[in-house]
Amino acid sequence: MVEAFAIVFSPTFRAVLQILVIVLAAGLLVRRKIVTEDQIKAISALTINIFLPCLIFSNILKNFAIDRISIWPVLPLGTAVMVLFGLAIGTAVFARDRKQKKDLIALSAIQNGYYLILPIGSILFADRFDDFKLYCFLMLPGYSPLMWGIGKYLMCVKPGEKIKLREFISPPLIAVISATVIVLVRGKTFGSSMVLDSAEMIGSAAIPLGTFILGAMLGGIRFNLKPYIVDALKVISVKLTIVPVCVIAVLYFSGLGRDWPLMASFFILQAASPPATSLLILVKHYGGNEQRAE
């Protein structure tokens, strides 16, 4: 077990360090006013509305071989269960002040999604990254409605404000559902074509841009951590301790970790990842407490 941990930890540390360099560089550009907040919003909008959907759509059509990933429904269902479990634990932890601190419940439960997971996966699993990307995309039907629905409610919605149904739908979710339906109806993946290759080329910008956006958003915030130290420790105990430990236990006892090791690694990374980018995008767009979102 110790040897296995050491083998995994070394490349993971290098992967996180490599991403950290990009994040710090992006944050420095923002601090120096070389990149403005309006430019960050524009890059984020392009990434969410164009680059990421292109990456999702092309990769699912080219790589989603149903016979090769026979248990693919586990991805959206497992992700949804993981989020709901985190919400339940977070609600219990912040039960006394749940109305005033409902945003902290979201921070305890909502996963990072793809902004941090994709670049880490591209380094850790370079030889199997097509499969890893596919896992990230196939979990979206279980993740996106919860993030844009419950996540928005907990982070941004004021008393009396209503959430519209269309706000549960995002371009990445449309891309994953439409591409998955096409493959399921057709019964097989698509080969290389000019259209798919072009979409994949456009979508390849999503991963580095997502990492850059993370750093730029963090760099644009003036931190005042003192008022939130106790709450931060509670969030960390749920998001980075209780949930990952429970996920690892489920993966072990269910046999998924043995039979589908890459998928198990994906779930562990999702469970142990901070949710900053996903929820910060909501706060940036709809309003909310940016200090607590970080």
C-alpha atoms as a PDB file:
ATOM      1  CA  MET A   1       0.000   0.000   0.000  1.00  0.00           C
ATOM      2  CA  VAL A   2       2.823   2.419   0.936  1.00  0.00           C
ATOM      3  CA  GLU A   3       4.727   1.618  -2.241  1.00  0.00           C
ATOM      4  CA  ALA A   4       1.591   2.114  -4.332  1.00  0.00           C
ATOM      5  CA  PHE A   5       0.977   5.471  -2.643  1.00  0.00           C
ATOM      6  CA  ALA A   6       4.555   6.592  -3.363  1.00  0.00           C
ATOM      7  CA  ILE A   7       4.273   5.556  -7.001  1.00  0.00           C
ATOM      8  CA  VAL A   8       1.065   7.553  -7.408  1.00  0.00           C
ATOM      9  CA  PHE A   9       2.099  10.550  -5.285  1.00  0.00           C
ATOM     10  CA  SER A  10       5.251  11.435  -7.240  1.00  0.00           C
ATOM     11  CA  PRO A  11       3.613  11.992 -10.658  1.00  0.00           C
ATOM     12  CA  THR A  12       0.592  13.574  -8.958  1.00  0.00           C
ATOM     13  CA  PHE A  13       2.843  16.093  -7.228  1.00  0.00           C
ATOM     14  CA  ARG A  14       4.572  16.928 -10.515  1.00  0.00           C
ATOM     15  CA  ALA A  15       1.213  17.299 -12.247  1.00  0.00           C
ATOM     16  CA  VAL A  16      -0.129  19.652  -9.593  1.00  0.00           C
ATOM     17  CA  LEU A  17       3.140  21.615  -9.589  1.00  0.00           C
ATOM     18  CA  GLN A  18       3.006  22.048 -13.359  1.00  0.00           C
ATOM     19  CA  ILE A  19      -0.580  23.309 -13.154  1.00  0.00           C
ATOM     20  CA  LEU A  20       0.354  25.554 -10.225  1.00  0.00           C
ATOM     21  CA  VAL A  21       2.964  27.308 -12.386  1.00  0.00           C
ATOM     22  CA  ILE A  22       0.281  28.149 -14.968  1.00  0.00           C
ATOM     23  CA  VAL A  23      -2.146  29.259 -12.260  1.00  0.00           C
ATOM     24  CA  LEU A  24       0.453  31.516 -10.613  1.00  0.00           C
ATOM     25  CA  ALA A  25       1.455  33.029 -13.958  1.00  0.00           C
ATOM     26  CA  ALA A  26      -2.180  33.780 -14.795  1.00  0.00           C
ATOM     27  CA  GLY A  27      -2.750  35.259 -11.347  1.00  0.00           C
ATOM     28  CA  LEU A  28       0.315  37.482 -11.733  1.00  0.00           C
ATOM     29  CA  LEU A  29      -0.949  38.782 -15.081  1.00  0.00           C
ATOM     30  CA  VAL A  30      -4.209  39.769 -13.411  1.00  0.00           C
ATOM     31  CA  ARG A  31      -2.491  41.398 -10.443  1.00  0.00           C
ATOM     32  CA  ARG A  32      -0.319  43.424 -12.825  1.00  0.00           C
ATOM     33  CA  LYS A  33      -3.428  44.504 -14.766  1.00  0.00           C
ATOM     34  CA  ILE A  34      -2.049  42.947 -17.948  1.00  0.00           C
ATOM     35  CA  VAL A  35      -5.218  40.850 -18.114  1.00  0.00           C
ATOM     36  CA  THR A  36      -8.458  42.572 -17.102  1.00  0.00           C
ATOM     37  CA  GLU A  37     -11.568  41.104 -15.481  1.00  0.00           C
ATOM     38  CA  ASP A  38     -13.578  41.707 -18.662  1.00  0.00           C
ATOM     39  CA  GLN A  39     -11.009  39.705 -20.620  1.00  0.00           C
ATOM     40  CA  ILE A  40     -11.234  36.871 -18.084  1.00  0.00           C
ATOM     41  CA  LYS A  41     -15.021  36.814 -18.450  1.00  0.00           C
ATOM     42  CA  ALA A  42     -14.678  36.755 -22.246  1.00  0.00           C
ATOM     43  CA  ILE A  43     -12.191  33.859 -22.138  1.00  0.00           C
ATOM     44  CA  SER A  44     -14.401  31.987 -19.675  1.00  0.00           C
ATOM     45  CA  ALA A  45     -17.479  32.504 -21.869  1.00  0.00           C
ATOM     46  CA  LEU A  46     -15.603  31.235 -24.941  1.00  0.00           C
ATOM     47  CA  THR A  47     -14.356  28.210 -23.015  1.00  0.00           C
ATOM     48  CA  ILE A  48     -17.772  27.239 -21.642  1.00  0.00           C
ATOM     49  CA  ASN A  49     -19.822  28.038 -24.752  1.00  0.00           C
ATOM     50  CA  ILE A  50     -17.468  27.000 -27.582  1.00  0.00           C
ATOM     51  CA  PHE A  51     -14.163  25.297 -26.756  1.00  0.00           C
ATOM     52  CA  LEU A  52     -15.387  22.827 -24.116  1.00  0.00           C
ATOM     53  CA  PRO A  53     -18.539  21.754 -26.034  1.00  0.00           C
ATOM     54  CA  CYS A  54     -16.384  21.150 -29.134  1.00  0.00           C
ATOM     55  CA  LEU A  55     -13.961  19.048 -27.098  1.00  0.00           C
ATOM     56  CA  ILE A  56     -16.798  17.069 -25.514  1.00  0.00           C
ATOM     57  CA  PHE A  57     -18.765  16.510 -28.714  1.00  0.00           C
ATOM     58  CA  SER A  58     -15.792  15.392 -30.823  1.00  0.00           C
ATOM     59  CA  ASN A  59     -14.308  13.124 -28.148  1.00  0.00           C
ATOM     60  CA  ILE A  60     -17.549  11.311 -27.370  1.00  0.00           C
ATOM     61  CA  LEU A  61     -18.324  10.699 -31.042  1.00  0.00           C
ATOM     62  CA  LYS A  62     -14.798   9.415 -31.697  1.00  0.00           C
ATOM     63  CA  ASN A  63     -14.021   7.520 -28.479  1.00  0.00           C
ATOM     64  CA  PHE A  64     -17.249   6.418 -26.784  1.00  0.00           C
ATOM     65  CA  ALA A  65     -17.218   2.735 -27.681  1.00  0.00           C
ATOM     66  CA  ILE A  66     -20.197   1.308 -25.787  1.00  0.00           C
ATOM     67  CA  ASP A  67     -18.805  -2.227 -25.707  1.00  0.00           C
ATOM     68  CA  ARG A  68     -15.530  -0.897 -24.246  1.00  0.00           C
ATOM     69  CA  ILE A  69     -17.187   1.138 -21.464  1.00  0.00           C
ATOM     70  CA  SER A  70     -20.123  -1.114 -20.656  1.00  0.00           C
ATOM     71  CA  ILE A  71     -20.708   0.443 -17.230  1.00  0.00           C
ATOM     72  CA  TRP A  72     -20.714   4.058 -18.470  1.00  0.00           C
ATOM     73  CA  PRO A  73     -24.006   4.906 -16.617  1.00  0.00           C
ATOM     74  CA  VAL A  74     -21.992   4.585 -13.393  1.00  0.00           C
ATOM     75  CA  LEU A  75     -20.268   7.868 -14.269  1.00  0.00           C
ATOM     76  CA  PRO A  76     -23.266  10.257 -14.186  1.00  0.00           C
ATOM     77  CA  LEU A  77     -25.064   8.281 -11.464  1.00  0.00           C
ATOM     78  CA  GLY A  78     -21.969   7.956  -9.289  1.00  0.00           C
ATOM     79  CA  THR A  79     -21.178  11.649  -9.667  1.00  0.00           C
ATOM     80  CA  ALA A  80     -24.732  12.631  -8.701  1.00  0.00           C
ATOM     81  CA  VAL A  81     -24.644  10.365  -5.630  1.00  0.00           C
ATOM     82  CA  MET A  82     -21.262  11.803  -4.638  1.00  0.00           C
ATOM     83  CA  VAL A  83     -22.586  15.381  -4.846  1.00  0.00           C
ATOM     84  CA  LEU A  84     -25.809  14.556  -2.982  1.00  0.00           C
ATOM     85  CA  PHE A  85     -23.855  12.746  -0.264  1.00  0.00           C
ATOM     86  CA  GLY A  86     -21.621  15.798   0.150  1.00  0.00           C
ATOM     87  CA  LEU A  87     -24.698  18.027   0.340  1.00  0.00           C
ATOM     88  CA  ALA A  88     -26.179  15.834   3.078  1.00  0.00           C
ATOM     89  CA  ILE A  89     -22.978  15.886   5.146  1.00  0.00           C
ATOM     90  CA  GLY A  90     -22.485  19.616   4.532  1.00  0.00           C
ATOM     91  CA  THR A  91     -26.059  20.343   5.616  1.00  0.00           C
ATOM     92  CA  ALA A  92     -25.481  18.397   8.825  1.00  0.00           C
ATOM     93  CA  VAL A  93     -22.200  20.204   9.546  1.00  0.00           C
ATOM     94  CA  PHE A  94     -23.722  23.663   8.992  1.00  0.00           C
ATOM     95  CA  ALA A  95     -27.160  22.763  10.399  1.00  0.00           C
ATOM     96  CA  ARG A  96     -27.248  25.617  12.916  1.00  0.00           C
ATOM     97  CA  ASP A  97     -26.575  28.368  10.383  1.00  0.00           C
ATOM     98  CA  ARG A  98     -27.623  26.657   7.178  1.00  0.00           C
ATOM     99  CA  LYS A  99     -29.628  29.651   5.918  1.00  0.00           C
ATOM    100  CA  GLN A 100     -26.763  32.098   6.421  1.00  0.00           C
ATOM    101  CA  LYS A 101     -24.089  29.654   5.272  1.00  0.00           C
ATOM    102  CA  LYS A 102     -25.828  27.733   2.516  1.00  0.00           C
ATOM    103  CA  ASP A 103     -22.986  28.673   0.146  1.00  0.00           C
ATOM    104  CA  LEU A 104     -20.614  26.712   2.389  1.00  0.00           C
ATOM    105  CA  ILE A 105     -22.829  23.657   1.986  1.00  0.00           C
ATOM    106  CA  ALA A 106     -22.289  23.933  -1.775  1.00  0.00           C
ATOM    107  CA  LEU A 107     -18.529  24.252  -1.269  1.00  0.00           C
ATOM    108  CA  SER A 108     -18.635  21.022   0.745  1.00  0.00           C
ATOM    109  CA  ALA A 109     -20.302  19.049  -2.028  1.00  0.00           C
ATOM    110  CA  ILE A 110     -20.007  20.388  -5.587  1.00  0.00           C
ATOM    111  CA  GLN A 111     -17.070  18.869  -7.464  1.00  0.00           C
ATOM    112  CA  ASN A 112     -14.599  20.831  -9.580  1.00  0.00           C
ATOM    113  CA  GLY A 113     -15.987  19.190 -12.714  1.00  0.00           C
ATOM    114  CA  TYR A 114     -13.358  19.544 -15.407  1.00  0.00           C
ATOM    115  CA  TYR A 115     -11.336  22.751 -14.971  1.00  0.00           C
ATOM    116  CA  LEU A 116      -8.785  21.190 -12.619  1.00  0.00           C
ATOM    117  CA  ILE A 117      -9.409  17.499 -13.284  1.00  0.00           C
ATOM    118  CA  LEU A 118      -8.720  17.590 -17.033  1.00  0.00           C
ATOM    119  CA  PRO A 119      -5.239  19.168 -16.827  1.00  0.00           C
ATOM    120  CA  ILE A 120      -4.263  16.837 -13.979  1.00  0.00           C
ATOM    121  CA  GLY A 121      -5.529  13.857 -15.963  1.00  0.00           C
ATOM    122  CA  SER A 122      -3.663  14.987 -19.085  1.00  0.00           C
ATOM    123  CA  ILE A 123      -0.401  14.708 -17.139  1.00  0.00           C
ATOM    124  CA  LEU A 124      -1.095  11.694 -14.918  1.00  0.00           C
ATOM    125  CA  PHE A 125      -2.732   9.556 -17.608  1.00  0.00           C
ATOM    126  CA  ALA A 126      -1.167  10.869 -20.810  1.00  0.00           C
ATOM    127  CA  ASP A 127      -1.266   7.436 -22.477  1.00  0.00           C
ATOM    128  CA  ARG A 128      -4.963   6.922 -21.585  1.00  0.00           C
ATOM    129  CA  PHE A 129      -6.144  10.504 -21.686  1.00  0.00           C
ATOM    130  CA  ASP A 130      -8.804   9.873 -24.349  1.00  0.00           C
ATOM    131  CA  ASP A 131     -10.555   7.509 -21.936  1.00  0.00           C
ATOM    132  CA  PHE A 132     -10.043   9.854 -18.997  1.00  0.00           C
ATOM    133  CA  LYS A 133     -11.542  12.774 -20.934  1.00  0.00           C
ATOM    134  CA  LEU A 134     -14.470  10.596 -21.850  1.00  0.00           C
ATOM    135  CA  TYR A 135     -15.120   9.808 -18.187  1.00  0.00           C
ATOM    136  CA  CYS A 136     -15.099  13.548 -17.419  1.00  0.00           C
ATOM    137  CA  PHE A 137     -17.641  14.210 -20.154  1.00  0.00           C
ATOM    138  CA  LEU A 138     -19.928  11.255 -19.433  1.00  0.00           C
ATOM    139  CA  MET A 139     -20.329  12.330 -15.815  1.00  0.00           C
ATOM    140  CA  LEU A 140     -21.833  15.682 -16.899  1.00  0.00           C
ATOM    141  CA  PRO A 141     -25.511  14.550 -17.103  1.00  0.00           C
ATOM    142  CA  GLY A 142     -25.300  13.751 -13.392  1.00  0.00           C
ATOM    143  CA  TYR A 143     -23.161  16.751 -12.470  1.00  0.00           C
ATOM    144  CA  SER A 144     -24.254  19.727 -14.553  1.00  0.00           C
ATOM    145  CA  PRO A 145     -27.916  19.979 -13.418  1.00  0.00           C
ATOM    146  CA  LEU A 146     -26.813  19.780  -9.773  1.00  0.00           C
ATOM    147  CA  MET A 147     -24.068  22.368 -10.212  1.00  0.00           C
ATOM    148  CA  TRP A 148     -26.153  24.863 -12.203  1.00  0.00           C
ATOM    149  CA  GLY A 149     -29.302  24.156 -10.188  1.00  0.00           C
ATOM    150  CA  ILE A 150     -28.583  23.340  -6.549  1.00  0.00           C
ATOM    151  CA  GLY A 151     -25.141  24.960  -6.755  1.00  0.00           C
ATOM    152  CA  LYS A 152     -26.581  28.216  -8.066  1.00  0.00           C
ATOM    153  CA  TYR A 153     -29.344  28.194  -5.452  1.00  0.00           C
ATOM    154  CA  LEU A 154     -26.922  27.689  -2.570  1.00  0.00           C
ATOM    155  CA  MET A 155     -24.270  30.115  -3.827  1.00  0.00           C
ATOM    156  CA  CYS A 156     -26.181  32.930  -5.491  1.00  0.00           C
ATOM    157  CA  VAL A 157     -29.966  32.897  -5.101  1.00  0.00           C
ATOM    158  CA  LYS A 158     -31.420  35.462  -2.721  1.00  0.00           C
ATOM    159  CA  PRO A 159     -34.577  34.823  -0.645  1.00  0.00           C
ATOM    160  CA  GLY A 160     -37.656  34.852  -2.880  1.00  0.00           C
ATOM    161  CA  GLU A 161     -35.674  34.558  -6.117  1.00  0.00           C
ATOM    162  CA  LYS A 162     -36.650  31.709  -8.447  1.00  0.00           C
ATOM    163  CA  ILE A 163     -34.449  29.567 -10.684  1.00  0.00           C
ATOM    164  CA  LYS A 164     -35.610  29.176 -14.269  1.00  0.00           C
ATOM    165  CA  LEU A 165     -35.561  25.718 -15.841  1.00  0.00           C
ATOM    166  CA  ARG A 166     -33.344  26.820 -18.734  1.00  0.00           C
ATOM    167  CA  GLU A 167     -30.600  27.743 -16.260  1.00  0.00           C
ATOM    168  CA  PHE A 168     -30.104  24.024 -15.529  1.00  0.00           C
ATOM    169  CA  ILE A 169     -28.959  23.606 -19.136  1.00  0.00           C
ATOM    170  CA  SER A 170     -25.471  24.566 -20.281  1.00  0.00           C
ATOM    171  CA  PRO A 171     -23.615  24.130 -23.614  1.00  0.00           C
ATOM    172  CA  PRO A 172     -21.359  21.354 -22.202  1.00  0.00           C
ATOM    173  CA  LEU A 173     -24.449  19.453 -21.010  1.00  0.00           C
ATOM    174  CA  ILE A 174     -26.108  19.834 -24.431  1.00  0.00           C
ATOM    175  CA  ALA A 175     -22.916  18.593 -26.104  1.00  0.00           C
ATOM    176  CA  VAL A 176     -22.593  15.485 -23.922  1.00  0.00           C
ATOM    177  CA  ILE A 177     -26.265  14.492 -24.171  1.00  0.00           C
ATOM    178  CA  SER A 178     -26.504  15.008 -27.942  1.00  0.00           C
ATOM    179  CA  ALA A 179     -23.228  13.198 -28.661  1.00  0.00           C
ATOM    180  CA  THR A 180     -24.114  10.304 -26.333  1.00  0.00           C
ATOM    181  CA  VAL A 181     -27.544   9.884 -27.941  1.00  0.00           C
ATOM    182  CA  ILE A 182     -25.982   9.883 -31.423  1.00  0.00           C
ATOM    183  CA  VAL A 183     -23.506   7.141 -30.468  1.00  0.00           C
ATOM    184  CA  LEU A 184     -26.166   5.048 -28.695  1.00  0.00           C
ATOM    185  CA  VAL A 185     -28.542   5.284 -31.671  1.00  0.00           C
ATOM    186  CA  ARG A 186     -25.797   4.618 -34.203  1.00  0.00           C
ATOM    187  CA  GLY A 187     -24.332   1.796 -32.127  1.00  0.00           C
ATOM    188  CA  LYS A 188     -20.699   2.690 -32.784  1.00  0.00           C
ATOM    189  CA  THR A 189     -18.252   5.549 -32.764  1.00  0.00           C
ATOM    190  CA  PHE A 190     -17.318   7.776 -35.696  1.00  0.00           C
ATOM    191  CA  GLY A 191     -13.965   7.670 -37.420  1.00  0.00           C
ATOM    192  CA  SER A 192     -11.792  10.629 -38.241  1.00  0.00           C
ATOM    193  CA  SER A 193     -13.492  13.284 -40.376  1.00  0.00           C
ATOM    194  CA  MET A 194     -12.873  16.889 -41.304  1.00  0.00           C
ATOM    195  CA  VAL A 195     -15.752  18.140 -39.148  1.00  0.00           C
ATOM    196  CA  LEU A 196     -14.849  16.133 -36.034  1.00  0.00           C
ATOM    197  CA  ASP A 197     -11.130  16.815 -36.398  1.00  0.00           C
ATOM    198  CA  SER A 198     -11.839  20.540 -36.725  1.00  0.00           C
ATOM    199  CA  ALA A 199     -14.075  20.463 -33.644  1.00  0.00           C
ATOM    200  CA  GLU A 200     -11.403  18.569 -31.735  1.00  0.00           C
ATOM    201  CA  MET A 201      -8.773  21.123 -32.768  1.00  0.00           C
ATOM    202  CA  ILE A 202     -10.950  23.975 -31.501  1.00  0.00           C
ATOM    203  CA  GLY A 203     -11.749  22.052 -28.328  1.00  0.00           C
ATOM    204  CA  SER A 204      -8.082  21.387 -27.557  1.00  0.00           C
ATOM    205  CA  ALA A 205      -7.878  24.975 -26.299  1.00  0.00           C
ATOM    206  CA  ALA A 206     -10.309  24.190 -23.468  1.00  0.00           C
ATOM    207  CA  ILE A 207      -7.851  22.476 -21.106  1.00  0.00           C
ATOM    208  CA  PRO A 208      -5.051  25.100 -21.048  1.00  0.00           C
ATOM    209  CA  LEU A 209      -7.582  27.936 -21.063  1.00  0.00           C
ATOM    210  CA  GLY A 210      -9.473  26.363 -18.172  1.00  0.00           C
ATOM    211  CA  THR A 211      -6.254  26.222 -16.157  1.00  0.00           C
ATOM    212  CA  PHE A 212      -5.487  29.833 -17.064  1.00  0.00           C
ATOM    213  CA  ILE A 213      -8.986  30.933 -16.029  1.00  0.00           C
ATOM    214  CA  LEU A 214      -8.535  29.262 -12.641  1.00  0.00           C
ATOM    215  CA  GLY A 215      -5.352  31.240 -11.980  1.00  0.00           C
ATOM    216  CA  ALA A 216      -6.791  34.471 -13.346  1.00  0.00           C
ATOM    217  CA  MET A 217      -9.875  34.239 -11.130  1.00  0.00           C
ATOM    218  CA  LEU A 218      -7.818  33.478  -8.045  1.00  0.00           C
ATOM    219  CA  GLY A 219      -5.412  36.295  -8.875  1.00  0.00           C
ATOM    220  CA  GLY A 220      -8.212  38.832  -9.107  1.00  0.00           C
ATOM    221  CA  ILE A 221      -9.432  38.322  -5.538  1.00  0.00           C
ATOM    222  CA  ARG A 222      -8.096  40.095  -2.467  1.00  0.00           C
ATOM    223  CA  PHE A 223      -8.161  37.486   0.253  1.00  0.00           C
ATOM    224  CA  ASN A 224      -9.276  38.112   3.821  1.00  0.00           C
ATOM    225  CA  LEU A 225      -9.218  34.669   5.365  1.00  0.00           C
ATOM    226  CA  LYS A 226      -9.556  35.429   9.091  1.00  0.00           C
ATOM    227  CA  PRO A 227     -13.386  35.543   9.220  1.00  0.00           C
ATOM    228  CA  TYR A 228     -13.625  32.201   7.411  1.00  0.00           C
ATOM    229  CA  ILE A 229     -10.946  30.022   9.024  1.00  0.00           C
ATOM    230  CA  VAL A 230     -13.328  27.924  11.153  1.00  0.00           C
ATOM    231  CA  ASP A 231     -15.824  27.542   8.312  1.00  0.00           C
ATOM    232  CA  ALA A 232     -12.998  26.698   5.896  1.00  0.00           C
ATOM    233  CA  LEU A 233     -11.824  23.901   8.184  1.00  0.00           C
ATOM    234  CA  LYS A 234     -15.366  22.509   8.279  1.00  0.00           C
ATOM    235  CA  VAL A 235     -15.611  22.604   4.473  1.00  0.00           C
ATOM    236  CA  ILE A 236     -12.207  20.942   4.127  1.00  0.00           C
ATOM    237  CA  SER A 237     -13.187  18.218   6.589  1.00  0.00           C
ATOM    238  CA  VAL A 238     -16.223  17.365   4.453  1.00  0.00           C
ATOM    239  CA  LYS A 239     -14.955  17.977   0.922  1.00  0.00           C
ATOM    240  CA  LEU A 240     -11.359  16.798   1.212  1.00  0.00           C
ATOM    241  CA  THR A 241     -11.644  14.188   3.975  1.00  0.00           C
ATOM    242  CA  ILE A 242     -15.065  12.612   4.591  1.00  0.00           C
ATOM    243  CA  VAL A 243     -16.262  12.464   0.972  1.00  0.00           C
ATOM    244  CA  PRO A 244     -12.969  11.128  -0.520  1.00  0.00           C
ATOM    245  CA  VAL A 245     -12.616   8.488   2.210  1.00  0.00           C
ATOM    246  CA  CYS A 246     -16.179   7.281   1.615  1.00  0.00           C
ATOM    247  CA  VAL A 247     -15.651   7.247  -2.164  1.00  0.00           C
ATOM    248  CA  ILE A 248     -12.454   5.205  -1.803  1.00  0.00           C
ATOM    249  CA  ALA A 249     -14.274   2.753   0.480  1.00  0.00           C
ATOM    250  CA  VAL A 250     -17.109   2.321  -2.043  1.00  0.00           C
ATOM    251  CA  LEU A 251     -14.634   1.821  -4.898  1.00  0.00           C
ATOM    252  CA  TYR A 252     -12.750  -0.792  -2.883  1.00  0.00           C
ATOM    253  CA  PHE A 253     -15.681  -2.839  -1.629  1.00  0.00           C
ATOM    254  CA  SER A 254     -17.624  -2.636  -4.911  1.00  0.00           C
ATOM    255  CA  GLY A 255     -14.669  -3.972  -6.909  1.00  0.00           C
ATOM    256  CA  LEU A 256     -14.724  -0.964  -9.250  1.00  0.00           C
ATOM    257  CA  GLY A 257     -11.209  -0.023  -8.192  1.00  0.00           C
ATOM    258  CA  ARG A 258      -9.984  -3.465  -9.238  1.00  0.00           C
ATOM    259  CA  ASP A 259     -11.940  -3.892 -12.464  1.00  0.00           C
ATOM    260  CA  TRP A 260     -11.898  -0.274 -13.706  1.00  0.00           C
ATOM    261  CA  PRO A 261      -8.769   1.346 -12.215  1.00  0.00           C
ATOM    262  CA  LEU A 262      -8.807   4.433 -14.467  1.00  0.00           C
ATOM    263  CA  MET A 263     -12.457   5.110 -13.675  1.00  0.00           C
ATOM    264  CA  ALA A 264     -11.701   4.644  -9.978  1.00  0.00           C
ATOM    265  CA  SER A 265      -8.857   7.155 -10.260  1.00  0.00           C
ATOM    266  CA  PHE A 266     -11.263   9.571 -11.928  1.00  0.00           C
ATOM    267  CA  PHE A 267     -13.767   9.293  -9.065  1.00  0.00           C
ATOM    268  CA  ILE A 268     -11.028   9.753  -6.459  1.00  0.00           C
ATOM    269  CA  LEU A 269      -9.712  12.875  -8.196  1.00  0.00           C
ATOM    270  CA  GLN A 270     -13.236  14.269  -8.434  1.00  0.00           C
ATOM    271  CA  ALA A 271     -13.958  13.525  -4.788  1.00  0.00           C
ATOM    272  CA  ALA A 272     -10.706  15.082  -3.573  1.00  0.00           C
ATOM    273  CA  SER A 273     -10.667  18.163  -5.815  1.00  0.00           C
ATOM    274  CA  PRO A 274     -11.504  21.647  -4.525  1.00  0.00           C
ATOM    275  CA  PRO A 275     -14.643  23.109  -6.130  1.00  0.00           C
ATOM    276  CA  ALA A 276     -13.279  26.669  -6.543  1.00  0.00           C
ATOM    277  CA  THR A 277     -13.582  27.164 -10.299  1.00  0.00           C
ATOM    278  CA  SER A 278     -17.015  25.659 -10.866  1.00  0.00           C
ATOM    279  CA  LEU A 279     -18.685  27.665  -8.115  1.00  0.00           C
ATOM    280  CA  LEU A 280     -16.609  30.802  -8.640  1.00  0.00           C
ATOM    281  CA  ILE A 281     -17.957  30.980 -12.196  1.00  0.00           C
ATOM    282  CA  LEU A 282     -21.477  30.992 -10.748  1.00  0.00           C
ATOM    283  CA  VAL A 283     -20.583  33.716  -8.264  1.00  0.00           C
ATOM    284  CA  LYS A 284     -18.849  35.801 -10.940  1.00  0.00           C
ATOM    285  CA  HIS A 285     -21.860  35.566 -13.228  1.00  0.00           C
ATOM    286  CA  TYR A 286     -24.805  35.701 -10.823  1.00  0.00           C
ATOM    287  CA  GLY A 287     -23.323  37.376  -7.749  1.00  0.00           C
ATOM    288  CA  GLY A 288     -22.370  36.045  -4.335  1.00  0.00           C
ATOM    289  CA  ASN A 289     -19.549  35.923  -1.790  1.00  0.00           C
ATOM    290  CA  GLU A 290     -16.294  35.509  -3.753  1.00  0.00           C
ATOM    291  CA  GLN A 291     -14.176  35.283  -0.604  1.00  0.00           C
ATOM    292  CA  ARG A 292     -16.094  32.223   0.601  1.00  0.00           C
ATOM    293  CA  ALA A 293     -16.176  30.725  -2.918  1.00  0.00           C
ATOM    294  CA  GLU A 294     -12.402  30.686  -2.827  1.00  0.00           C
END
